[in-house]
């Protein structure tokens, strides 16, 4: 690859030189040049030159030698045409000098590479390695609003201020499973296996429960199955707290006709109209805060396993039917 990069400028400039040389040999005003082969020498007929003075390069192709001569055909012309011809000749001469210099320079360069290829390969590697040092300072931008929104956008200023004053301490991690049927029992068991490995990961000072983002969760005893069973001591305060809710406080809300309490839960019997019912006002503020503080904190996780309550036996009992 380095050898290709070192030789590419040579071939590119040679190509440009050939194109310039080809363009410089075109003569304006010559519609057609016909050749007559006489003794292996190409001759030109003056009647095809359009009645203007032209300088024609005639190349001898005789077997003995190859020579280049200059043939000047003179006819009557205006002074402006003569000046234009001089300018064209000067440009042609300059083009020839430049092409010759470039050709000689790159010829020498190509010979040097051919004589010492390993040296030039090492030089290319050293130069590439030196330029690659900048990759260590290359910043990776992962924020989409930085990639697609103009730098002078007001949104960027707001997002920068928010990140500086209210930085987020939550980082989401995702695992994507791909299969013909992700609801197959074996796939769900594999998801459960990965979940158990992550949940049980710990070091001497850090465990998964100590670093995961935690949110309050509702105890199993009141609202059905949850992903991990809690002990009796963990829900005692919630049992006492819920049983202390007065019936009058509950019946204050329109649309609620009655509450039937049992040992661990409440069954709400509601009326037909309940549009204005706000569950956040069901309890006084101090009791609501006490209830929130007493709730069990668990790691935030959105998973298909929540449907099965993280129960291995329930998953193993699944079938395609």
Protein backbone atom coordinates (compact mmCIF):
# COMPACT_ATOMS: atom_id res chain seq x y z
CA UNK A 1 0.00 0.00 0.00
CA UNK A 2 2.85 2.40 0.85
CA UNK A 3 4.59 1.57 -2.43
CA UNK A 4 1.39 2.33 -4.32
CA UNK A 5 1.03 5.69 -2.54
CA UNK A 6 4.65 6.56 -3.35
CA UNK A 7 4.30 5.73 -7.06
CA UNK A 8 0.84 7.25 -7.54
CA UNK A 9 2.08 10.90 -7.91
CA UNK A 10 4.57 9.73 -10.55
CA UNK A 11 1.95 8.08 -12.75
CA UNK A 12 -0.50 10.91 -12.20
CA UNK A 13 1.92 13.64 -13.28
CA UNK A 14 3.11 11.59 -16.26
CA UNK A 15 -0.50 11.25 -17.35
CA UNK A 16 -1.03 15.02 -17.05
CA UNK A 17 2.16 15.63 -19.02
CA UNK A 18 1.04 13.35 -21.82
CA UNK A 19 -2.30 15.13 -22.02
CA UNK A 20 -0.60 18.53 -22.18
CA UNK A 21 1.79 17.32 -24.87
CA UNK A 22 -1.07 15.90 -26.90
CA UNK A 23 -3.01 19.15 -26.62
CA UNK A 24 0.02 21.24 -27.59
CA UNK A 25 0.40 19.40 -30.91
CA UNK A 26 -3.05 20.41 -32.13
CA UNK A 27 -2.87 23.24 -34.68
CA UNK A 28 -5.77 25.65 -34.92
CA UNK A 29 -7.02 26.20 -38.47
CA UNK A 30 -5.90 22.85 -39.91
CA UNK A 31 -9.02 21.03 -40.96
CA UNK A 32 -7.36 17.92 -42.37
CA UNK A 33 -3.84 16.76 -43.12
CA UNK A 34 -3.44 14.10 -45.72
CA UNK A 35 -0.24 12.09 -46.03
CA UNK A 36 1.38 10.65 -49.13
CA UNK A 37 3.86 7.80 -48.62
CA UNK A 38 6.95 8.41 -50.82
CA UNK A 39 10.03 6.25 -50.12
CA UNK A 40 8.81 5.55 -46.58
CA UNK A 41 8.57 9.29 -45.85
CA UNK A 42 5.32 11.09 -44.95
CA UNK A 43 4.69 14.17 -47.10
CA UNK A 44 2.02 16.87 -46.65
CA UNK A 45 -0.13 18.68 -49.19
CA UNK A 46 -0.34 22.41 -48.67
CA UNK A 47 -3.91 22.70 -49.96
CA UNK A 48 -5.25 21.25 -46.71
CA UNK A 49 -3.87 23.98 -44.46
CA UNK A 50 -6.67 26.46 -45.02
CA UNK A 51 -4.51 29.14 -46.64
CA UNK A 52 -2.64 30.08 -43.43
CA UNK A 53 0.97 29.94 -42.35
CA UNK A 54 1.53 26.85 -40.23
CA UNK A 55 4.48 25.12 -38.65
CA UNK A 56 4.23 21.38 -39.20
CA UNK A 57 6.39 18.70 -37.62
CA UNK A 58 7.25 16.08 -40.28
CA UNK A 59 8.66 12.80 -38.98
CA UNK A 60 10.71 10.59 -41.28
CA UNK A 61 10.02 6.90 -40.89
CA UNK A 62 12.79 5.58 -43.13
CA UNK A 63 14.38 2.37 -41.87
CA UNK A 64 17.86 3.92 -41.74
CA UNK A 65 17.13 6.65 -39.19
CA UNK A 66 14.42 8.63 -37.46
CA UNK A 67 14.62 12.40 -37.82
CA UNK A 68 12.35 15.31 -37.13
CA UNK A 69 12.27 18.28 -39.47
CA UNK A 70 10.28 21.46 -39.49
CA UNK A 71 8.28 22.41 -42.55
CA UNK A 72 6.97 25.96 -42.89
CA UNK A 73 4.27 26.56 -45.48
CA UNK A 74 3.79 30.24 -46.17
CA UNK A 75 0.71 31.84 -47.66
CA UNK A 76 -0.78 35.28 -47.47
CA UNK A 77 -2.13 36.12 -43.98
CA UNK A 78 -3.05 39.07 -41.81
CA UNK A 79 -0.72 40.44 -39.07
CA UNK A 80 -3.14 39.41 -36.26
CA UNK A 81 -2.89 35.80 -37.35
CA UNK A 82 0.91 35.99 -37.25
CA UNK A 83 0.84 37.31 -33.66
CA UNK A 84 -1.53 34.54 -32.63
CA UNK A 85 0.78 31.97 -34.19
CA UNK A 86 3.74 33.36 -32.24
CA UNK A 87 1.79 33.14 -28.99
CA UNK A 88 0.79 29.57 -29.74
CA UNK A 89 4.40 28.69 -30.55
CA UNK A 90 5.58 30.26 -27.30
CA UNK A 91 2.99 28.34 -25.29
CA UNK A 92 3.96 25.16 -27.09
CA UNK A 93 7.60 25.73 -26.22
CA UNK A 94 6.76 26.39 -22.55
CA UNK A 95 4.62 23.29 -22.43
CA UNK A 96 7.45 21.25 -23.90
CA UNK A 97 9.94 22.59 -21.36
CA UNK A 98 7.61 21.86 -18.44
CA UNK A 99 6.76 18.39 -19.71
CA UNK A 100 10.42 17.62 -20.26
CA UNK A 101 11.40 18.81 -16.79
CA UNK A 102 8.62 16.82 -15.14
CA UNK A 103 9.45 13.75 -17.17
CA UNK A 104 13.14 13.95 -16.26
CA UNK A 105 12.37 14.53 -12.58
CA UNK A 106 9.98 11.61 -12.25
CA UNK A 107 12.23 9.42 -14.34
CA UNK A 108 15.00 10.02 -11.83
CA UNK A 109 12.55 9.44 -8.98
CA UNK A 110 11.39 6.15 -10.48
CA UNK A 111 14.98 4.99 -11.01
CA UNK A 112 15.80 5.81 -7.38
CA UNK A 113 12.82 3.74 -6.18
CA UNK A 114 13.81 0.87 -8.45
CA UNK A 115 17.39 0.90 -7.13
CA UNK A 116 16.42 1.06 -3.41
CA UNK A 117 12.82 -0.18 -3.00
CA UNK A 118 13.24 -1.29 0.63
CA UNK A 119 14.53 2.13 1.63
CA UNK A 120 11.51 3.88 0.13
CA UNK A 121 9.13 1.36 1.71
CA UNK A 122 10.66 2.04 5.12
CA UNK A 123 10.45 5.78 4.53
CA UNK A 124 6.74 5.47 3.66
CA UNK A 125 6.10 3.39 6.79
CA UNK A 126 7.95 5.86 9.00
CA UNK A 127 6.09 8.81 7.49
CA UNK A 128 2.72 7.05 7.85
CA UNK A 129 3.51 6.10 11.45
CA UNK A 130 4.54 9.66 12.28
CA UNK A 131 1.30 11.05 10.84
CA UNK A 132 -0.71 8.40 12.71
CA UNK A 133 0.36 9.89 16.05
CA UNK A 134 -2.49 12.36 15.67
CA UNK A 135 -5.01 9.54 16.06
CA UNK A 136 -4.22 9.52 19.79
CA UNK A 137 -5.72 13.01 20.01
CA UNK A 138 -8.67 12.21 17.77
CA UNK A 139 -11.94 12.85 19.67
CA UNK A 140 -14.83 10.49 19.07
CA UNK A 141 -18.21 12.21 18.99
CA UNK A 142 -21.14 9.96 19.85
CA UNK A 143 -23.80 12.60 20.50
CA UNK A 144 -26.12 12.70 17.48
CA UNK A 145 -27.09 16.33 17.96
CA UNK A 146 -23.41 17.24 17.60
CA UNK A 147 -23.11 15.29 14.36
CA UNK A 148 -26.21 16.54 12.53
CA UNK A 149 -27.04 19.97 13.97
CA UNK A 150 -25.12 23.14 12.98
CA UNK A 151 -22.56 24.41 15.49
CA UNK A 152 -24.37 27.73 15.96
CA UNK A 153 -27.70 26.09 16.82
CA UNK A 154 -29.43 27.21 20.01
CA UNK A 155 -30.20 23.60 20.84
CA UNK A 156 -26.49 22.83 21.21
CA UNK A 157 -26.10 25.65 23.71
CA UNK A 158 -29.02 24.35 25.73
CA UNK A 159 -27.74 20.78 25.64
CA UNK A 160 -24.26 21.87 26.71
CA UNK A 161 -25.70 23.85 29.60
CA UNK A 162 -27.85 20.91 30.67
CA UNK A 163 -24.92 18.50 30.51
CA UNK A 164 -22.74 20.87 32.52
CA UNK A 165 -25.26 21.67 35.25
CA UNK A 166 -27.34 18.49 35.32
CA UNK A 167 -25.11 15.65 34.12
CA UNK A 168 -26.77 12.28 33.67
CA UNK A 169 -25.47 9.49 35.90
CA UNK A 170 -27.26 6.75 33.97
CA UNK A 171 -25.74 4.87 31.05
CA UNK A 172 -27.94 2.42 29.18
CA UNK A 173 -26.56 -0.94 28.06
CA UNK A 174 -28.42 -3.12 25.57
CA UNK A 175 -28.19 -6.73 24.50
CA UNK A 176 -29.93 -7.64 21.23
CA UNK A 177 -30.79 -11.27 20.53
CA UNK A 178 -31.33 -12.45 16.97
CA UNK A 179 -33.04 -15.74 16.19
CA UNK A 180 -35.78 -17.18 14.01
CA UNK A 181 -38.09 -17.10 17.02
CA UNK A 182 -36.92 -15.12 20.04
CA UNK A 183 -39.90 -16.42 22.03
CA UNK A 184 -38.58 -19.95 21.85
CA UNK A 185 -37.92 -21.54 25.23
CA UNK A 186 -34.21 -22.06 24.58
CA UNK A 187 -33.74 -18.40 23.63
CA UNK A 188 -35.53 -17.18 26.76
CA UNK A 189 -33.43 -19.50 28.92
CA UNK A 190 -30.31 -18.07 27.29
CA UNK A 191 -31.51 -14.56 28.12
CA UNK A 192 -32.07 -15.67 31.71
CA UNK A 193 -28.57 -17.15 31.84
CA UNK A 194 -26.99 -13.88 30.73
CA UNK A 195 -29.14 -11.99 33.23
CA UNK A 196 -27.98 -14.22 36.09
CA UNK A 197 -24.33 -13.79 35.09
CA UNK A 198 -24.64 -9.99 35.11
CA UNK A 199 -26.66 -9.88 38.34
CA UNK A 200 -24.17 -12.11 40.16
CA UNK A 201 -21.08 -10.26 38.93
CA UNK A 202 -19.08 -8.81 41.80
CA UNK A 203 -15.56 -7.90 42.85
CA UNK A 204 -14.03 -7.37 46.26
CA UNK A 205 -15.61 -3.94 46.65
CA UNK A 206 -18.24 -3.62 43.91
CA UNK A 207 -21.32 -5.64 43.03
CA UNK A 208 -23.92 -5.23 40.33
CA UNK A 209 -26.54 -3.99 42.81
CA UNK A 210 -24.18 -1.25 43.99
CA UNK A 211 -23.58 0.26 40.53
CA UNK A 212 -26.88 -0.30 38.70
CA UNK A 213 -29.54 2.40 38.39
CA UNK A 214 -32.16 1.60 41.01
CA UNK A 215 -35.85 2.51 41.05
CA UNK A 216 -38.62 1.81 43.58
CA UNK A 217 -40.55 -1.40 43.04
CA UNK A 218 -43.88 -2.60 44.35
CA UNK A 219 -43.79 -5.49 46.81
CA UNK A 220 -45.15 -8.86 45.69
CA UNK A 221 -47.52 -9.18 48.60
CA UNK A 222 -49.69 -6.29 47.41
CA UNK A 223 -49.65 -6.15 43.62
CA UNK A 224 -48.79 -9.60 42.36
CA UNK A 225 -45.63 -11.29 41.25
CA UNK A 226 -42.37 -9.35 40.95
CA UNK A 227 -39.11 -10.44 39.52
CA UNK A 228 -37.45 -11.36 42.84
CA UNK A 229 -39.16 -12.37 46.06
CA UNK A 230 -38.63 -10.16 49.10
CA UNK A 231 -38.44 -11.19 52.70
CA UNK A 232 -41.19 -10.65 55.24
CA UNK A 233 -39.13 -8.00 57.01
CA UNK A 234 -38.90 -5.91 53.86
CA UNK A 235 -42.68 -5.56 53.45
CA UNK A 236 -43.76 -5.30 57.09
CA UNK A 237 -43.60 -1.49 57.06
CA UNK A 238 -45.63 -1.34 53.86
CA UNK A 239 -48.27 -3.67 55.27
CA UNK A 240 -48.69 -1.53 58.36
CA UNK A 241 -48.68 1.65 56.30
CA UNK A 242 -51.33 0.52 53.81
CA UNK A 243 -53.58 -0.81 56.53
CA UNK A 244 -53.41 2.57 58.24
CA UNK A 245 -55.09 4.34 55.33
CA UNK A 246 -58.41 5.63 56.52
CA UNK A 247 -61.56 4.71 54.66
CA UNK A 248 -62.68 8.35 54.73
CA UNK A 249 -59.54 9.48 52.88
CA UNK A 250 -60.19 6.93 50.17
CA UNK A 251 -63.88 7.68 49.77
CA UNK A 252 -63.24 11.40 49.30
CA UNK A 253 -62.59 10.84 45.60
CA UNK A 254 -65.52 10.94 43.23
CA UNK A 255 -66.31 7.70 41.47
CA UNK A 256 -65.11 5.43 44.29
CA UNK A 257 -68.01 3.69 45.96
CA UNK A 258 -66.23 1.33 48.32
CA UNK A 259 -62.98 -0.36 49.23
CA UNK A 260 -62.90 -3.90 50.51
CA UNK A 261 -59.73 -4.65 52.50
CA UNK A 262 -58.32 -8.09 53.08
CA UNK A 263 -55.18 -9.20 54.82
CA UNK A 264 -52.61 -7.93 52.34
CA UNK A 265 -54.39 -5.94 49.63
CA UNK A 266 -57.31 -3.72 48.76
CA UNK A 267 -59.98 -4.38 46.14
CA UNK A 268 -61.31 -1.15 44.68
CA UNK A 269 -64.90 -1.01 43.51
CA UNK A 270 -65.40 2.01 41.28
CA UNK A 271 -68.37 3.68 39.72
CA UNK A 272 -68.92 4.53 36.10
CA UNK A 273 -67.46 8.07 36.00
CA UNK A 274 -63.80 8.37 36.97
CA UNK A 275 -62.33 10.97 34.62
CA UNK A 276 -61.16 13.35 37.38
CA UNK A 277 -59.68 10.69 39.61
CA UNK A 278 -56.00 11.45 40.44
CA UNK A 279 -54.17 8.61 42.14
CA UNK A 280 -51.39 10.94 43.31
CA UNK A 281 -53.90 12.67 45.61
CA UNK A 282 -55.10 9.48 47.21
CA UNK A 283 -52.75 9.92 50.18
CA UNK A 284 -51.53 12.96 52.11
CA UNK A 285 -48.09 14.18 51.14
CA UNK A 286 -46.28 12.98 54.27
CA UNK A 287 -47.77 9.51 54.03
CA UNK A 288 -47.03 9.31 50.33
CA UNK A 289 -43.36 10.21 50.94
CA UNK A 290 -43.12 7.68 53.75
CA UNK A 291 -44.58 5.04 51.49
CA UNK A 292 -42.15 5.91 48.69
CA UNK A 293 -39.15 5.76 51.03
CA UNK A 294 -40.22 2.37 52.35
CA UNK A 295 -40.45 0.82 48.89
CA UNK A 296 -37.78 -1.68 47.87
CA UNK A 297 -35.13 -0.35 45.43
CA UNK A 298 -34.15 -2.64 42.59
CA UNK A 299 -32.02 -2.38 39.47
CA UNK A 300 -33.75 -0.83 36.48
CA UNK A 301 -34.09 -3.47 33.79
CA UNK A 302 -36.44 -3.78 30.83
CA UNK A 303 -36.48 -7.37 29.75
CA UNK A 304 -38.70 -10.05 28.30
CA UNK A 305 -37.98 -12.02 31.48
CA UNK A 306 -40.27 -9.73 33.46
CA UNK A 307 -43.23 -11.41 31.76
CA UNK A 308 -42.21 -14.69 33.40
CA UNK A 309 -41.18 -13.14 36.70
CA UNK A 310 -37.57 -14.30 36.21
CA UNK A 311 -38.79 -17.78 37.16
CA UNK A 312 -36.67 -20.51 35.57
CA UNK A 313 -39.24 -23.23 36.29
CA UNK A 314 -42.00 -21.26 34.58
CA UNK A 315 -39.81 -20.71 31.52
CA UNK A 316 -38.76 -24.36 31.32
CA UNK A 317 -42.44 -25.35 31.36
CA UNK A 318 -43.16 -23.31 28.24
CA UNK A 319 -44.15 -24.97 24.97
CA UNK A 320 -44.81 -23.81 21.42
CA UNK A 321 -48.55 -24.17 21.94
